[in-house]
């Protein structure tokens, strides 16, 4: 893991970028989903299960970060 200039504080910039990408993707997916429900293209049931999909994505992200950090050491 890269460390800052002091040598003792880890640099979490990589994780912060990954979190930002994840939340950006969730916002975009939610916006498109909301638009499609309002247009009547997809049923409201799909929008109702969206929070569970978000939880799955967050869980997969946490597993990915933990796995990649484990391989780094």
PDB file of N, CA and C in Angstrom:
ATOM      1  N   UNK A   1       0.848  -1.170   0.000  1.00  0.00           N
ATOM      2  CA  UNK A   1       0.000   0.000   0.000  1.00  0.00           C
ATOM      3  C   UNK A   1       0.892   1.231   0.000  1.00  0.00           C
ATOM      4  N   UNK A   2       0.651   2.179  -0.864  1.00  0.00           N
ATOM      5  CA  UNK A   2       1.448   3.403  -0.865  1.00  0.00           C
ATOM      6  C   UNK A   2       1.183   4.217   0.396  1.00  0.00           C
ATOM      7  N   UNK A   3       2.241   4.824   0.893  1.00  0.00           N
ATOM      8  CA  UNK A   3       2.113   5.640   2.093  1.00  0.00           C
ATOM      9  C   UNK A   3       2.385   7.089   1.759  1.00  0.00           C
ATOM     10  N   UNK A   4       1.898   7.968   2.633  1.00  0.00           N
ATOM     11  CA  UNK A   4       2.094   9.397   2.417  1.00  0.00           C
ATOM     12  C   UNK A   4       3.529   9.769   2.766  1.00  0.00           C
ATOM     13  N   UNK A   5       3.832  11.058   2.663  1.00  0.00           N
ATOM     14  CA  UNK A   5       5.189  11.531   2.881  1.00  0.00           C
ATOM     15  C   UNK A   5       5.672  11.238   4.297  1.00  0.00           C
ATOM     16  N   UNK A   6       4.756  11.236   5.276  1.00  0.00           N
ATOM     17  CA  UNK A   6       5.139  10.953   6.652  1.00  0.00           C
ATOM     18  C   UNK A   6       5.525   9.503   6.856  1.00  0.00           C
ATOM     19  N   UNK A   7       5.024   8.628   6.006  1.00  0.00           N
ATOM     20  CA  UNK A   7       5.376   7.233   6.090  1.00  0.00           C
ATOM     21  C   UNK A   7       4.460   6.413   6.977  1.00  0.00           C
ATOM     22  N   UNK A   8       3.636   7.044   7.775  1.00  0.00           N
ATOM     23  CA  UNK A   8       2.794   6.304   8.698  1.00  0.00           C
ATOM     24  C   UNK A   8       1.317   6.317   8.318  1.00  0.00           C
ATOM     25  N   UNK A   9       0.889   7.284   7.539  1.00  0.00           N
ATOM     26  CA  UNK A   9      -0.519   7.394   7.176  1.00  0.00           C
ATOM     27  C   UNK A   9      -0.701   6.800   5.774  1.00  0.00           C
ATOM     28  N   UNK A  10      -1.549   5.761   5.646  1.00  0.00           N
ATOM     29  CA  UNK A  10      -1.745   5.167   4.321  1.00  0.00           C
ATOM     30  C   UNK A  10      -2.492   6.109   3.385  1.00  0.00           C
ATOM     31  N   UNK A  11      -2.225   5.962   2.105  1.00  0.00           N
ATOM     32  CA  UNK A  11      -2.859   6.793   1.083  1.00  0.00           C
ATOM     33  C   UNK A  11      -4.114   6.081   0.588  1.00  0.00           C
ATOM     34  N   UNK A  12      -5.277   6.613   0.916  1.00  0.00           N
ATOM     35  CA  UNK A  12      -6.544   5.988   0.570  1.00  0.00           C
ATOM     36  C   UNK A  12      -7.155   6.575  -0.695  1.00  0.00           C
ATOM     37  N   UNK A  13      -6.365   7.234  -1.503  1.00  0.00           N
ATOM     38  CA  UNK A  13      -6.868   7.859  -2.711  1.00  0.00           C
ATOM     39  C   UNK A  13      -7.459   6.840  -3.686  1.00  0.00           C
ATOM     40  N   UNK A  14      -6.819   5.689  -3.808  1.00  0.00           N
ATOM     41  CA  UNK A  14      -7.305   4.648  -4.714  1.00  0.00           C
ATOM     42  C   UNK A  14      -8.684   4.151  -4.286  1.00  0.00           C
ATOM     43  N   UNK A  15      -8.855   3.907  -2.998  1.00  0.00           N
ATOM     44  CA  UNK A  15     -10.157   3.459  -2.494  1.00  0.00           C
ATOM     45  C   UNK A  15     -11.194   4.561  -2.661  1.00  0.00           C
ATOM     46  N   UNK A  16     -10.820   5.793  -2.429  1.00  0.00           N
ATOM     47  CA  UNK A  16     -11.746   6.912  -2.583  1.00  0.00           C
ATOM     48  C   UNK A  16     -12.216   7.040  -4.026  1.00  0.00           C
ATOM     49  N   UNK A  17     -11.327   6.848  -4.979  1.00  0.00           N
ATOM     50  CA  UNK A  17     -11.719   6.893  -6.394  1.00  0.00           C
ATOM     51  C   UNK A  17     -12.689   5.764  -6.733  1.00  0.00           C
ATOM     52  N   UNK A  18     -12.432   4.576  -6.208  1.00  0.00           N
ATOM     53  CA  UNK A  18     -13.328   3.446  -6.459  1.00  0.00           C
ATOM     54  C   UNK A  18     -14.702   3.680  -5.848  1.00  0.00           C
ATOM     55  N   UNK A  19     -14.749   4.248  -4.652  1.00  0.00           N
ATOM     56  CA  UNK A  19     -16.033   4.566  -4.014  1.00  0.00           C
ATOM     57  C   UNK A  19     -16.780   5.613  -4.829  1.00  0.00           C
ATOM     58  N   UNK A  20     -16.066   6.614  -5.313  1.00  0.00           N
ATOM     59  CA  UNK A  20     -16.694   7.653  -6.128  1.00  0.00           C
ATOM     60  C   UNK A  20     -17.264   7.078  -7.420  1.00  0.00           C
ATOM     61  N   UNK A  21     -16.535   6.171  -8.054  1.00  0.00           N
ATOM     62  CA  UNK A  21     -17.020   5.536  -9.278  1.00  0.00           C
ATOM     63  C   UNK A  21     -18.260   4.705  -8.985  1.00  0.00           C
ATOM     64  N   UNK A  22     -18.248   3.959  -7.880  1.00  0.00           N
ATOM     65  CA  UNK A  22     -19.392   3.129  -7.513  1.00  0.00           C
ATOM     66  C   UNK A  22     -20.631   3.985  -7.283  1.00  0.00           C
ATOM     67  N   UNK A  23     -20.509   5.034  -6.487  1.00  0.00           N
ATOM     68  CA  UNK A  23     -21.669   5.876  -6.213  1.00  0.00           C
ATOM     69  C   UNK A  23     -22.118   6.653  -7.446  1.00  0.00           C
ATOM     70  N   UNK A  24     -21.196   7.046  -8.280  1.00  0.00           N
ATOM     71  CA  UNK A  24     -21.576   7.697  -9.534  1.00  0.00           C
ATOM     72  C   UNK A  24     -22.363   6.766 -10.428  1.00  0.00           C
ATOM     73  N   UNK A  25     -21.921   5.516 -10.503  1.00  0.00           N
ATOM     74  CA  UNK A  25     -22.644   4.534 -11.314  1.00  0.00           C
ATOM     75  C   UNK A  25     -24.029   4.266 -10.738  1.00  0.00           C
ATOM     76  N   UNK A  26     -24.142   4.204  -9.421  1.00  0.00           N
ATOM     77  CA  UNK A  26     -25.443   3.986  -8.789  1.00  0.00           C
ATOM     78  C   UNK A  26     -26.384   5.143  -9.083  1.00  0.00           C
ATOM     79  N   UNK A  27     -25.884   6.363  -9.023  1.00  0.00           N
ATOM     80  CA  UNK A  27     -26.721   7.535  -9.309  1.00  0.00           C
ATOM     81  C   UNK A  27     -27.189   7.519 -10.762  1.00  0.00           C
ATOM     82  N   UNK A  28     -26.296   7.185 -11.681  1.00  0.00           N
ATOM     83  CA  UNK A  28     -26.670   7.135 -13.097  1.00  0.00           C
ATOM     84  C   UNK A  28     -27.706   6.036 -13.335  1.00  0.00           C
ATOM     85  N   UNK A  29     -27.482   4.865 -12.767  1.00  0.00           N
ATOM     86  CA  UNK A  29     -28.435   3.767 -12.932  1.00  0.00           C
ATOM     87  C   UNK A  29     -29.792   4.150 -12.347  1.00  0.00           C
ATOM     88  N   UNK A  30     -29.802   4.758 -11.175  1.00  0.00           N
ATOM     89  CA  UNK A  30     -31.056   5.170 -10.553  1.00  0.00           C
ATOM     90  C   UNK A  30     -31.774   6.211 -11.405  1.00  0.00           C
ATOM     91  N   UNK A  31     -31.041   7.164 -11.962  1.00  0.00           N
ATOM     92  CA  UNK A  31     -31.655   8.170 -12.819  1.00  0.00           C
ATOM     93  C   UNK A  31     -32.283   7.579 -14.070  1.00  0.00           C
ATOM     94  N   UNK A  32     -31.578   6.674 -14.712  1.00  0.00           N
ATOM     95  CA  UNK A  32     -32.116   6.028 -15.907  1.00  0.00           C
ATOM     96  C   UNK A  32     -33.325   5.171 -15.549  1.00  0.00           C
ATOM     97  N   UNK A  33     -33.248   4.461 -14.429  1.00  0.00           N
ATOM     98  CA  UNK A  33     -34.362   3.638 -13.976  1.00  0.00           C
ATOM     99  C   UNK A  33     -35.596   4.486 -13.693  1.00  0.00           C
ATOM    100  N   UNK A  34     -35.404   5.598 -13.016  1.00  0.00           N
ATOM    101  CA  UNK A  34     -36.511   6.504 -12.694  1.00  0.00           C
ATOM    102  C   UNK A  34     -37.147   7.050 -13.973  1.00  0.00           C
ATOM    103  N   UNK A  35     -36.324   7.436 -14.922  1.00  0.00           N
ATOM    104  CA  UNK A  35     -36.817   7.948 -16.193  1.00  0.00           C
ATOM    105  C   UNK A  35     -37.636   6.894 -16.936  1.00  0.00           C
ATOM    106  N   UNK A  36     -37.144   5.673 -16.976  1.00  0.00           N
ATOM    107  CA  UNK A  36     -37.862   4.606 -17.678  1.00  0.00           C
ATOM    108  C   UNK A  36     -39.185   4.254 -16.999  1.00  0.00           C
ATOM    109  N   UNK A  37     -39.232   4.331 -15.669  1.00  0.00           N
ATOM    110  CA  UNK A  37     -40.494   4.085 -14.965  1.00  0.00           C
ATOM    111  C   UNK A  37     -41.489   5.202 -15.272  1.00  0.00           C
ATOM    112  N   UNK A  38     -41.025   6.443 -15.267  1.00  0.00           N
ATOM    113  CA  UNK A  38     -41.916   7.571 -15.561  1.00  0.00           C
ATOM    114  C   UNK A  38     -42.436   7.533 -16.990  1.00  0.00           C
ATOM    115  N   UNK A  39     -41.639   7.025 -17.909  1.00  0.00           N
ATOM    116  CA  UNK A  39     -42.079   6.912 -19.293  1.00  0.00           C
ATOM    117  C   UNK A  39     -42.957   5.683 -19.523  1.00  0.00           C
ATOM    118  N   UNK A  40     -43.027   4.804 -18.543  1.00  0.00           N
ATOM    119  CA  UNK A  40     -43.845   3.615 -18.657  1.00  0.00           C
ATOM    120  C   UNK A  40     -43.185   2.493 -19.436  1.00  0.00           C
ATOM    121  N   UNK A  41     -41.895   2.595 -19.664  1.00  0.00           N
ATOM    122  CA  UNK A  41     -41.177   1.576 -20.420  1.00  0.00           C
ATOM    123  C   UNK A  41     -40.996   0.300 -19.588  1.00  0.00           C
ATOM    124  N   UNK A  42     -40.700   0.480 -18.310  1.00  0.00           N
ATOM    125  CA  UNK A  42     -40.537  -0.671 -17.421  1.00  0.00           C
ATOM    126  C   UNK A  42     -41.529  -0.555 -16.273  1.00  0.00           C
ATOM    127  N   UNK A  43     -41.934  -1.671 -15.685  1.00  0.00           N
ATOM    128  CA  UNK A  43     -42.884  -1.610 -14.574  1.00  0.00           C
ATOM    129  C   UNK A  43     -42.252  -1.046 -13.301  1.00  0.00           C
ATOM    130  N   UNK A  44     -43.092  -0.552 -12.422  1.00  0.00           N
ATOM    131  CA  UNK A  44     -42.601   0.026 -11.165  1.00  0.00           C
ATOM    132  C   UNK A  44     -41.977  -1.019 -10.259  1.00  0.00           C
ATOM    133  N   UNK A  45     -42.270  -2.300 -10.529  1.00  0.00           N
ATOM    134  CA  UNK A  45     -41.690  -3.372  -9.718  1.00  0.00           C
ATOM    135  C   UNK A  45     -40.164  -3.373  -9.812  1.00  0.00           C
ATOM    136  N   UNK A  46     -39.640  -3.078 -10.974  1.00  0.00           N
ATOM    137  CA  UNK A  46     -38.182  -3.032 -11.147  1.00  0.00           C
ATOM    138  C   UNK A  46     -37.585  -1.922 -10.289  1.00  0.00           C
ATOM    139  N   UNK A  47     -38.268  -0.780 -10.225  1.00  0.00           N
ATOM    140  CA  UNK A  47     -37.788   0.322  -9.394  1.00  0.00           C
ATOM    141  C   UNK A  47     -37.894  -0.032  -7.912  1.00  0.00           C
ATOM    142  N   UNK A  48     -38.861  -0.868  -7.562  1.00  0.00           N
ATOM    143  CA  UNK A  48     -39.036  -1.253  -6.166  1.00  0.00           C
ATOM    144  C   UNK A  48     -37.904  -2.153  -5.681  1.00  0.00           C
ATOM    145  N   UNK A  49     -37.307  -2.956  -6.569  1.00  0.00           N
ATOM    146  CA  UNK A  49     -36.220  -3.841  -6.146  1.00  0.00           C
ATOM    147  C   UNK A  49     -34.850  -3.185  -6.296  1.00  0.00           C
ATOM    148  N   UNK A  50     -34.806  -1.930  -6.735  1.00  0.00           N
ATOM    149  CA  UNK A  50     -33.527  -1.252  -6.937  1.00  0.00           C
ATOM    150  C   UNK A  50     -32.690  -1.152  -5.660  1.00  0.00           C
ATOM    151  N   UNK A  51     -33.277  -0.848  -4.474  1.00  0.00           N
ATOM    152  CA  UNK A  51     -32.423  -0.791  -3.264  1.00  0.00           C
ATOM    153  C   UNK A  51     -31.690  -2.103  -2.984  1.00  0.00           C
ATOM    154  N   UNK A  52     -32.299  -3.231  -3.267  1.00  0.00           N
ATOM    155  CA  UNK A  52     -31.608  -4.502  -3.067  1.00  0.00           C
ATOM    156  C   UNK A  52     -30.449  -4.654  -4.046  1.00  0.00           C
ATOM    157  N   UNK A  53     -30.635  -4.166  -5.263  1.00  0.00           N
ATOM    158  CA  UNK A  53     -29.556  -4.211  -6.250  1.00  0.00           C
ATOM    159  C   UNK A  53     -28.385  -3.347  -5.782  1.00  0.00           C
ATOM    160  N   UNK A  54     -28.689  -2.193  -5.194  1.00  0.00           N
ATOM    161  CA  UNK A  54     -27.641  -1.314  -4.666  1.00  0.00           C
ATOM    162  C   UNK A  54     -26.876  -2.012  -3.550  1.00  0.00           C
ATOM    163  N   UNK A  55     -27.593  -2.697  -2.662  1.00  0.00           N
ATOM    164  CA  UNK A  55     -26.915  -3.412  -1.583  1.00  0.00           C
ATOM    165  C   UNK A  55     -25.996  -4.498  -2.133  1.00  0.00           C
ATOM    166  N   UNK A  56     -26.427  -5.185  -3.156  1.00  0.00           N
ATOM    167  CA  UNK A  56     -25.591  -6.208  -3.774  1.00  0.00           C
ATOM    168  C   UNK A  56     -24.341  -5.578  -4.384  1.00  0.00           C
ATOM    169  N   UNK A  57     -24.495  -4.446  -5.063  1.00  0.00           N
ATOM    170  CA  UNK A  57     -23.336  -3.767  -5.661  1.00  0.00           C
ATOM    171  C   UNK A  57     -22.354  -3.293  -4.597  1.00  0.00           C
ATOM    172  N   UNK A  58     -22.862  -2.745  -3.507  1.00  0.00           N
ATOM    173  CA  UNK A  58     -21.987  -2.289  -2.431  1.00  0.00           C
ATOM    174  C   UNK A  58     -21.264  -3.479  -1.806  1.00  0.00           C
ATOM    175  N   UNK A  59     -21.971  -4.578  -1.603  1.00  0.00           N
ATOM    176  CA  UNK A  59     -21.340  -5.780  -1.062  1.00  0.00           C
ATOM    177  C   UNK A  59     -20.253  -6.319  -1.970  1.00  0.00           C
ATOM    178  N   UNK A  60     -20.531  -6.356  -3.278  1.00  0.00           N
ATOM    179  CA  UNK A  60     -19.514  -6.812  -4.229  1.00  0.00           C
ATOM    180  C   UNK A  60     -18.305  -5.886  -4.237  1.00  0.00           C
ATOM    181  N   UNK A  61     -18.537  -4.586  -4.105  1.00  0.00           N
ATOM    182  CA  UNK A  61     -17.433  -3.630  -4.055  1.00  0.00           C
ATOM    183  C   UNK A  61     -16.563  -3.873  -2.830  1.00  0.00           C
ATOM    184  N   UNK A  62     -17.188  -4.106  -1.682  1.00  0.00           N
ATOM    185  CA  UNK A  62     -16.429  -4.348  -0.461  1.00  0.00           C
ATOM    186  C   UNK A  62     -15.605  -5.629  -0.596  1.00  0.00           C
ATOM    187  N   UNK A  63     -16.195  -6.663  -1.157  1.00  0.00           N
ATOM    188  CA  UNK A  63     -15.465  -7.913  -1.370  1.00  0.00           C
ATOM    189  C   UNK A  63     -14.292  -7.686  -2.323  1.00  0.00           C
ATOM    190  N   UNK A  64     -14.514  -6.917  -3.390  1.00  0.00           N
ATOM    191  CA  UNK A  64     -13.453  -6.647  -4.360  1.00  0.00           C
ATOM    192  C   UNK A  64     -12.291  -5.889  -3.713  1.00  0.00           C
ATOM    193  N   UNK A  65     -12.614  -4.857  -2.932  1.00  0.00           N
ATOM    194  CA  UNK A  65     -11.554  -4.068  -2.293  1.00  0.00           C
ATOM    195  C   UNK A  65     -10.786  -4.926  -1.297  1.00  0.00           C
ATOM    196  N   UNK A  66     -11.499  -5.723  -0.494  1.00  0.00           N
ATOM    197  CA  UNK A  66     -10.822  -6.576   0.479  1.00  0.00           C
ATOM    198  C   UNK A  66      -9.939  -7.603  -0.225  1.00  0.00           C
ATOM    199  N   UNK A  67     -10.433  -8.184  -1.304  1.00  0.00           N
ATOM    200  CA  UNK A  67      -9.653  -9.185  -2.042  1.00  0.00           C
ATOM    201  C   UNK A  67      -8.420  -8.558  -2.692  1.00  0.00           C
ATOM    202  N   UNK A  68      -8.594  -7.368  -3.282  1.00  0.00           N
ATOM    203  CA  UNK A  68      -7.445  -6.735  -3.937  1.00  0.00           C
ATOM    204  C   UNK A  68      -6.396  -6.292  -2.907  1.00  0.00           C
ATOM    205  N   UNK A  69      -6.832  -5.858  -1.735  1.00  0.00           N
ATOM    206  CA  UNK A  69      -5.869  -5.469  -0.695  1.00  0.00           C
ATOM    207  C   UNK A  69      -5.164  -6.682  -0.117  1.00  0.00           C
ATOM    208  N   UNK A  70      -5.878  -7.819  -0.039  1.00  0.00           N
ATOM    209  CA  UNK A  70      -5.254  -9.045   0.462  1.00  0.00           C
ATOM    210  C   UNK A  70      -4.161  -9.506  -0.494  1.00  0.00           C
ATOM    211  N   UNK A  71      -4.404  -9.374  -1.787  1.00  0.00           N
ATOM    212  CA  UNK A  71      -3.404  -9.775  -2.775  1.00  0.00           C
ATOM    213  C   UNK A  71      -2.215  -8.829  -2.806  1.00  0.00           C
ATOM    214  N   UNK A  72      -2.407  -7.608  -2.318  1.00  0.00           N
ATOM    215  CA  UNK A  72      -1.326  -6.618  -2.350  1.00  0.00           C
ATOM    216  C   UNK A  72      -0.258  -6.963  -1.325  1.00  0.00           C
ATOM    217  N   UNK A  73      -0.629  -7.631  -0.234  1.00  0.00           N
ATOM    218  CA  UNK A  73       0.346  -7.913   0.842  1.00  0.00           C
ATOM    219  C   UNK A  73       0.963  -9.256   0.676  1.00  0.00           C
TER     220      UNK A  73
END
